[in-house]
């Protein structure tokens, strides 16, 4: 089984599906899609989901002949969204009909062979904290395609300059670390490997940070990935960091984040093979995260007592 990953493929340009609404949340999703598309040389598919009774399915732009008031409005919203996409990015807008927005977006992403679904979140106050809507929540617990979440008021960067991957001392981080390394290599972004240690483990730390992180990569993934990570570190294309705390969420608040950075996280060990499932610890990290979060699907059946990457 091939692990879905949010990165360019050898088979052609990556495709990113943007779940769009003519709202601030929809703009956030679009801006994230634009930033990722610039970095990964990807095409954008901008999709709006409307109920069956109001749907006028089709791709945009198209002729306005015989349009109803509703279809004209949808056309205007999509054309406005497409106008925000830089000329160097191939983008298509479409209206998708369906009674369930999450299922309709997922079905469309599968039909179009998309590599990632970009979604916005609702603002949670002055601190720009994430508040997940029902559609995003459903996809975060069922999608077979990586899901990216943009924080409120997100602005599209020129490119994604750094990809961070935070993993713990538990086994099961193999797919997450592999995806982070391969995505960084193919996109040319810097990789930051962040190893989470409990306060007790950190107290006994007597090694150089880089050596300890790479040692943890090998312990939680394998020697091959550790060697790839070391090559990137030696070449100056990757950095290493150790964070400590009582919980992963607590440790994440101590990290510094760049505006043009994304964080990759693995699915919970409760995930069905090949599906995204954001666990409670990742959800806690998300609430205080100022940058986009990408959740990747699980590859293998997990032990239900733990969570990957945490």
Protein backbone atom coordinates (compact mmCIF):
# COMPACT_ATOMS: atom_id res chain seq x y z
CA UNK A 1 0.00 0.00 0.00
CA UNK A 2 1.40 3.41 -0.97
CA UNK A 3 1.47 6.06 1.69
CA UNK A 4 -0.34 9.24 0.52
CA UNK A 5 1.92 12.22 1.02
CA UNK A 6 1.57 15.98 0.60
CA UNK A 7 4.33 16.40 -1.93
CA UNK A 8 5.09 16.51 -5.67
CA UNK A 9 5.15 13.09 -7.30
CA UNK A 10 7.23 11.63 -10.08
CA UNK A 11 4.02 11.02 -12.04
CA UNK A 12 3.36 14.73 -12.56
CA UNK A 13 2.46 17.90 -10.67
CA UNK A 14 0.81 17.49 -7.31
CA UNK A 15 -2.83 18.53 -6.97
CA UNK A 16 -4.28 20.35 -4.00
CA UNK A 17 -8.02 20.49 -3.39
CA UNK A 18 -9.13 23.68 -1.63
CA UNK A 19 -12.41 23.41 0.27
CA UNK A 20 -13.65 26.91 -0.50
CA UNK A 21 -16.35 29.15 0.89
CA UNK A 22 -16.78 32.89 0.33
CA UNK A 23 -15.85 33.46 3.98
CA UNK A 24 -12.68 34.32 5.92
CA UNK A 25 -12.20 30.60 6.58
CA UNK A 26 -12.44 29.90 2.85
CA UNK A 27 -9.85 32.59 2.17
CA UNK A 28 -7.51 30.97 4.70
CA UNK A 29 -7.87 27.60 2.94
CA UNK A 30 -7.21 29.24 -0.43
CA UNK A 31 -4.14 31.11 0.85
CA UNK A 32 -2.69 27.91 2.26
CA UNK A 33 -3.37 26.14 -1.04
CA UNK A 34 -1.59 28.93 -2.91
CA UNK A 35 1.44 28.79 -0.61
CA UNK A 36 1.72 25.02 -0.94
CA UNK A 37 1.17 25.12 -4.70
CA UNK A 38 4.01 27.61 -5.12
CA UNK A 39 6.34 25.42 -3.09
CA UNK A 40 5.38 22.10 -4.67
CA UNK A 41 4.67 23.23 -8.24
CA UNK A 42 1.14 21.95 -7.73
CA UNK A 43 -2.18 22.58 -9.44
CA UNK A 44 -5.13 23.91 -7.45
CA UNK A 45 -8.65 22.53 -7.56
CA UNK A 46 -10.98 24.97 -5.81
CA UNK A 47 -14.25 23.32 -4.82
CA UNK A 48 -17.44 24.72 -3.32
CA UNK A 49 -19.99 22.26 -1.93
CA UNK A 50 -23.67 23.20 -2.06
CA UNK A 51 -26.79 21.18 -1.20
CA UNK A 52 -28.38 19.14 -3.99
CA UNK A 53 -31.37 21.47 -4.15
CA UNK A 54 -29.17 24.51 -4.81
CA UNK A 55 -26.40 22.91 -6.84
CA UNK A 56 -25.43 23.97 -10.32
CA UNK A 57 -22.47 21.71 -10.82
CA UNK A 58 -19.73 22.53 -13.25
CA UNK A 59 -16.29 23.91 -13.76
CA UNK A 60 -15.45 27.59 -13.89
CA UNK A 61 -15.04 29.90 -15.64
CA UNK A 62 -17.83 29.09 -18.11
CA UNK A 63 -20.51 30.84 -20.15
CA UNK A 64 -23.11 32.73 -18.12
CA UNK A 65 -25.96 31.95 -20.48
CA UNK A 66 -29.14 30.66 -18.82
CA UNK A 67 -27.75 30.92 -15.32
CA UNK A 68 -30.04 31.36 -12.35
CA UNK A 69 -29.41 33.93 -9.61
CA UNK A 70 -27.85 31.24 -7.42
CA UNK A 71 -25.57 29.89 -10.11
CA UNK A 72 -24.46 33.42 -11.01
CA UNK A 73 -23.57 34.02 -7.38
CA UNK A 74 -21.60 30.78 -7.19
CA UNK A 75 -19.87 31.65 -10.43
CA UNK A 76 -18.93 35.07 -9.05
CA UNK A 77 -17.52 33.60 -5.85
CA UNK A 78 -15.42 31.08 -7.73
CA UNK A 79 -14.19 33.65 -10.21
CA UNK A 80 -13.19 35.90 -7.31
CA UNK A 81 -11.27 32.99 -5.79
CA UNK A 82 -9.56 32.17 -9.08
CA UNK A 83 -8.60 35.83 -9.49
CA UNK A 84 -6.57 35.60 -6.26
CA UNK A 85 -4.47 32.72 -7.60
CA UNK A 86 -1.12 33.86 -9.08
CA UNK A 87 -0.77 33.40 -12.83
CA UNK A 88 2.01 30.83 -12.47
CA UNK A 89 -0.34 28.38 -10.71
CA UNK A 90 -2.81 26.31 -12.71
CA UNK A 91 -6.19 26.54 -11.00
CA UNK A 92 -9.73 25.33 -11.70
CA UNK A 93 -12.90 26.12 -9.78
CA UNK A 94 -15.92 23.87 -9.52
CA UNK A 95 -19.25 23.56 -7.74
CA UNK A 96 -19.84 20.17 -6.16
CA UNK A 97 -23.31 19.05 -5.15
CA UNK A 98 -23.86 16.91 -2.11
CA UNK A 99 -25.77 16.57 1.12
CA UNK A 100 -22.57 16.19 3.16
CA UNK A 101 -19.76 18.70 2.62
CA UNK A 102 -16.97 16.50 4.02
CA UNK A 103 -17.92 13.45 1.97
CA UNK A 104 -18.37 15.58 -1.16
CA UNK A 105 -14.93 17.17 -0.76
CA UNK A 106 -13.30 13.80 -0.14
CA UNK A 107 -15.07 12.22 -3.13
CA UNK A 108 -14.00 15.12 -5.35
CA UNK A 109 -10.39 14.92 -4.13
CA UNK A 110 -10.33 11.19 -4.91
CA UNK A 111 -11.90 11.64 -8.36
CA UNK A 112 -9.39 14.37 -9.25
CA UNK A 113 -6.46 12.36 -7.82
CA UNK A 114 -5.52 15.13 -5.39
CA UNK A 115 -2.58 14.76 -3.01
CA UNK A 116 -3.89 16.99 -0.24
CA UNK A 117 -7.06 18.74 0.98
CA UNK A 118 -6.66 22.32 2.24
CA UNK A 119 -9.23 23.60 4.73
CA UNK A 120 -9.76 26.71 6.80
CA UNK A 121 -10.73 26.88 10.44
CA UNK A 122 -12.89 29.26 12.37
CA UNK A 123 -11.17 31.87 14.49
CA UNK A 124 -11.27 31.44 18.24
CA UNK A 125 -10.53 34.94 19.50
CA UNK A 126 -7.62 37.34 19.67
CA UNK A 127 -5.02 34.60 19.95
CA UNK A 128 -5.85 33.25 16.47
CA UNK A 129 -6.55 29.82 17.87
CA UNK A 130 -8.05 27.09 15.74
CA UNK A 131 -11.70 26.16 16.03
CA UNK A 132 -12.56 23.18 13.84
CA UNK A 133 -15.83 23.14 11.89
CA UNK A 134 -17.88 20.00 11.34
CA UNK A 135 -16.58 19.30 7.82
CA UNK A 136 -12.94 19.65 8.84
CA UNK A 137 -13.57 17.51 11.92
CA UNK A 138 -15.07 14.73 9.78
CA UNK A 139 -12.16 14.75 7.34
CA UNK A 140 -9.68 14.78 10.22
CA UNK A 141 -11.14 11.48 11.36
CA UNK A 142 -11.75 9.68 8.07
CA UNK A 143 -9.88 11.08 5.05
CA UNK A 144 -7.64 8.81 2.99
CA UNK A 145 -5.82 11.94 1.77
CA UNK A 146 -3.61 14.21 3.91
CA UNK A 147 -5.54 17.15 5.37
CA UNK A 148 -4.00 20.61 5.84
CA UNK A 149 -5.54 23.16 8.19
CA UNK A 150 -4.88 26.87 7.88
CA UNK A 151 -4.98 29.04 11.01
CA UNK A 152 -7.34 32.04 11.06
CA UNK A 153 -6.24 35.08 9.02
CA UNK A 154 -3.57 33.06 7.24
CA UNK A 155 -1.62 34.87 4.50
CA UNK A 156 -0.10 32.96 1.58
CA UNK A 157 3.71 32.93 1.81
CA UNK A 158 5.92 33.15 -1.26
CA UNK A 159 6.86 29.56 -0.51
CA UNK A 160 6.96 27.12 2.38
CA UNK A 161 10.52 27.57 3.62
CA UNK A 162 10.47 25.03 6.45
CA UNK A 163 8.72 21.74 7.19
CA UNK A 164 8.70 20.70 10.83
CA UNK A 165 8.08 17.19 12.07
CA UNK A 166 7.64 16.54 15.79
CA UNK A 167 7.83 12.98 17.02
CA UNK A 168 8.05 11.29 20.40
CA UNK A 169 9.91 8.38 21.92
CA UNK A 170 7.14 5.91 21.10
CA UNK A 171 7.48 3.60 18.12
CA UNK A 172 5.22 4.15 15.12
CA UNK A 173 6.64 7.40 13.73
CA UNK A 174 8.14 5.75 10.66
CA UNK A 175 5.57 7.01 8.11
CA UNK A 176 5.58 10.53 9.54
CA UNK A 177 9.37 10.89 9.47
CA UNK A 178 9.58 9.35 5.99
CA UNK A 179 6.92 11.74 4.65
CA UNK A 180 8.67 14.75 6.20
CA UNK A 181 12.05 13.82 4.73
CA UNK A 182 10.72 13.07 1.24
CA UNK A 183 8.53 16.20 1.17
CA UNK A 184 11.44 18.40 2.21
CA UNK A 185 13.72 16.84 -0.41
CA UNK A 186 11.27 17.22 -3.27
CA UNK A 187 10.12 20.73 -2.38
CA UNK A 188 13.54 22.11 -1.44
CA UNK A 189 12.21 23.29 1.92
CA UNK A 190 14.32 23.09 5.06
CA UNK A 191 13.44 20.21 7.36
CA UNK A 192 13.23 20.61 11.13
CA UNK A 193 13.22 17.37 13.12
CA UNK A 194 11.81 17.97 16.59
CA UNK A 195 12.21 15.21 19.12
CA UNK A 196 9.86 15.30 22.10
CA UNK A 197 11.24 14.07 25.41
CA UNK A 198 9.57 13.84 28.76
CA UNK A 199 11.09 16.00 31.45
CA UNK A 200 12.55 12.87 33.09
CA UNK A 201 14.27 11.76 29.86
CA UNK A 202 15.54 15.28 29.21
CA UNK A 203 17.12 15.41 32.66
CA UNK A 204 19.36 12.51 31.72
CA UNK A 205 20.37 14.00 28.35
CA UNK A 206 24.14 14.14 28.05
CA UNK A 207 24.53 14.07 24.26
CA UNK A 208 24.74 16.71 21.56
CA UNK A 209 21.22 17.66 20.46
CA UNK A 210 21.73 16.70 16.80
CA UNK A 211 23.15 13.29 17.72
CA UNK A 212 20.29 12.58 20.10
CA UNK A 213 17.60 13.57 17.60
CA UNK A 214 19.11 11.42 14.85
CA UNK A 215 19.42 8.57 17.33
CA UNK A 216 15.72 8.98 18.07
CA UNK A 217 14.92 8.97 14.34
CA UNK A 218 16.61 5.60 14.03
CA UNK A 219 14.88 4.26 17.14
CA UNK A 220 11.43 5.43 16.02
CA UNK A 221 11.82 4.80 12.29
CA UNK A 222 14.85 2.91 10.94
CA UNK A 223 18.53 3.28 10.13
CA UNK A 224 17.87 4.18 6.49
CA UNK A 225 15.73 7.20 7.42
CA UNK A 226 18.24 8.21 10.09
CA UNK A 227 20.98 8.21 7.43
CA UNK A 228 18.84 10.34 5.11
CA UNK A 229 18.17 12.77 7.94
CA UNK A 230 21.87 12.95 8.79
CA UNK A 231 22.72 13.75 5.17
CA UNK A 232 20.27 16.65 5.22
CA UNK A 233 21.65 17.92 8.54
CA UNK A 234 25.24 17.67 7.30
CA UNK A 235 24.27 19.54 4.12
CA UNK A 236 22.65 22.34 6.11
CA UNK A 237 19.20 21.47 4.74
CA UNK A 238 17.83 20.23 8.05
CA UNK A 239 17.98 21.22 11.68
CA UNK A 240 17.31 19.34 14.87
CA UNK A 241 15.68 20.37 18.11
CA UNK A 242 14.66 18.78 21.38
CA UNK A 243 11.61 19.98 23.30
CA UNK A 244 10.48 18.85 26.70
CA UNK A 245 7.34 19.08 28.75
CA UNK A 246 4.74 17.11 30.62
CA UNK A 247 2.81 16.76 27.33
CA UNK A 248 3.43 17.28 23.62
CA UNK A 249 0.97 20.21 23.61
CA UNK A 250 2.89 21.91 26.43
CA UNK A 251 6.19 21.38 24.62
CA UNK A 252 4.82 22.80 21.37
CA UNK A 253 4.09 26.14 23.03
CA UNK A 254 7.82 26.51 23.75
CA UNK A 255 8.80 26.26 20.09
CA UNK A 256 9.38 29.20 17.76
CA UNK A 257 7.45 29.06 14.48
CA UNK A 258 8.03 30.88 11.19
CA UNK A 259 5.10 32.35 9.27
CA UNK A 260 6.13 30.36 6.18
CA UNK A 261 6.38 27.03 7.99
CA UNK A 262 4.10 23.99 8.25
CA UNK A 263 3.98 21.22 10.84
CA UNK A 264 3.49 17.60 9.80
CA UNK A 265 1.76 15.30 12.25
CA UNK A 266 0.90 11.62 12.05
CA UNK A 267 -2.47 10.04 12.70
CA UNK A 268 -3.49 8.52 15.99
CA UNK A 269 -2.84 4.84 16.58
CA UNK A 270 -6.61 4.51 16.64
CA UNK A 271 -6.65 5.24 12.89
CA UNK A 272 -7.86 2.73 10.36
CA UNK A 273 -5.09 1.79 7.91
CA UNK A 274 -4.85 4.39 5.15
CA UNK A 275 -7.04 6.92 6.97
CA UNK A 276 -6.46 10.17 8.81
CA UNK A 277 -7.39 10.20 12.48
CA UNK A 278 -6.35 13.18 14.57
CA UNK A 279 -5.95 12.09 18.18
CA UNK A 280 -6.65 14.15 21.29
CA UNK A 281 -3.02 15.12 21.82
CA UNK A 282 -2.63 16.44 18.27
CA UNK A 283 -5.91 18.34 18.75
CA UNK A 284 -4.46 20.05 21.82
CA UNK A 285 -1.37 21.07 19.86
CA UNK A 286 -3.59 22.41 17.09
CA UNK A 287 -5.47 24.77 19.42
CA UNK A 288 -2.37 26.87 20.11
CA UNK A 289 -0.50 26.41 16.82
CA UNK A 290 0.07 29.65 14.84
CA UNK A 291 1.01 27.84 11.59
CA UNK A 292 -0.71 25.30 9.27
CA UNK A 293 -0.91 21.70 10.41
CA UNK A 294 -0.89 18.76 7.99
CA UNK A 295 -2.21 15.42 9.27
CA UNK A 296 -1.09 12.38 7.28
CA UNK A 297 -2.98 9.06 7.06
CA UNK A 298 -1.88 5.99 8.95
CA UNK A 299 -0.19 3.32 6.86
CA UNK A 300 -0.37 0.33 9.14
CA UNK A 301 -2.77 -0.79 11.82
CA UNK A 302 -1.78 0.87 15.07
CA UNK A 303 -1.73 -0.27 18.67
CA UNK A 304 -4.81 1.40 20.13
CA UNK A 305 -3.01 2.48 23.29
CA UNK A 306 -0.72 5.07 21.71
CA UNK A 307 -0.59 7.79 19.06
CA UNK A 308 1.87 8.07 16.19
CA UNK A 309 4.24 10.98 16.27
CA UNK A 310 3.25 11.92 19.81
